[in-house]
């Protein structure tokens, strides 16, 4: 598995991996997201993801959507706290068609006023849908609590009031202030010679004027643990427990990924799942997550349970956190944990689409991408002492924030 790199004269970066698959994946990842918004702009980065497909100088919305779908391809996008991404999956023979379309969308979107007004209702419905799903809403509010008074804590979707105020001028202004050529990566996985790929990318992106980011993002460095409990008219009570964690470039990041996987990863044999669900049946869903950002990170445990089991579930969670902070993993336990994470990564990398997005994001933020074998080697080097040290820092009870959605009534 070899990655090939290239940088256009305007600063746009390219990363590619050749594959024999008949299906290719290509995307453009921009180092701009929710954290780059002002208070008044909150929600605009995500809104742009919606309206950027609604027309260009030479295409209407229908023609954008049909350009790839007519040949069986798929066009999609997402927005995070730090990135905006437009990507596509298609047959290899349509590389030129796909890159031309992505370039047209990125460089020539016209953002018609009529489409903007129409899409506001769609996004507001999306916001309300999240509010109807407390297991998802609680994550957003928890990040707002952890990253209080900082843009990185703001909800990606924004608020209905903010969305209603978005205009074409506001969109153009946000793009002008936050889209920079040296903060863009074009990522590709497919059966195409790298030199041919570069010729196509140069044809459609090469003339785009260079524009470098000079201003640094406002760093987050003011965490204060907090506790909040609010009543909700729901069947279940929901709870998030967590702390700030390591930034993306921190050397302890991969060890934190392993520790999180042991505690509450997707495996049914995670410590939280065994302790809270399997042994006691207190919750249907319990998991932990670790999300690194460019200058900080967040660790969060989520659980949903009935009112009568809420405090008992939280106590069991705290017990498991303490065990990891005071009891070093044995050699066999550590070996099994590493094997599990390596296996999960291997399965994830079986998806060329997932790999294309992952390597593009990695190149964007880290300026290089580890191959899967390099990642395996880093995992194998992790020691029990490292995990114990990290657990003591991240799982410290004094540093934990807690957000509870207390069920107001259990509806029969």
Foldseek 3Di string as FASTA:
>chain_A
DDKDWDAFPLQEIEIEDEDPDQKKKKKKKFFAAQLLDDLLQRQLRQLCQVQLLQDFPPDGNVCLQCLQVVQPKDWHWDGALTITMIMMMHGPVCLLSVLLSNLRSVPTRDRDQVVLQVCLVVLQVVVVVQVVPVLNVVVLVVLCQQQPPGSSSHDRNGHSVSSNPDGPVNSVVSCVQGGFNSLMYMFMYYNDDPVVSVVSNCVRPNVPHRGDDDDDRDAGDDGAAAEAEAEDQDQKKKKKKFFKAAAPPDLCVLVVVLLQCQAFNPDCNRPLNCQQCVPPNFFPDWGWDWAHHLRIIMIMIMTIGHQVCVVVSVVSSLVVLVCLQPPFDDPVRLVVSLVVVLVVVVVQVVDVNSVRVVQRVCCSRPVGDDDSVRSSVSSVPDGSVSSNVRSCVTSPPNRMHMYMHHNPDNDD
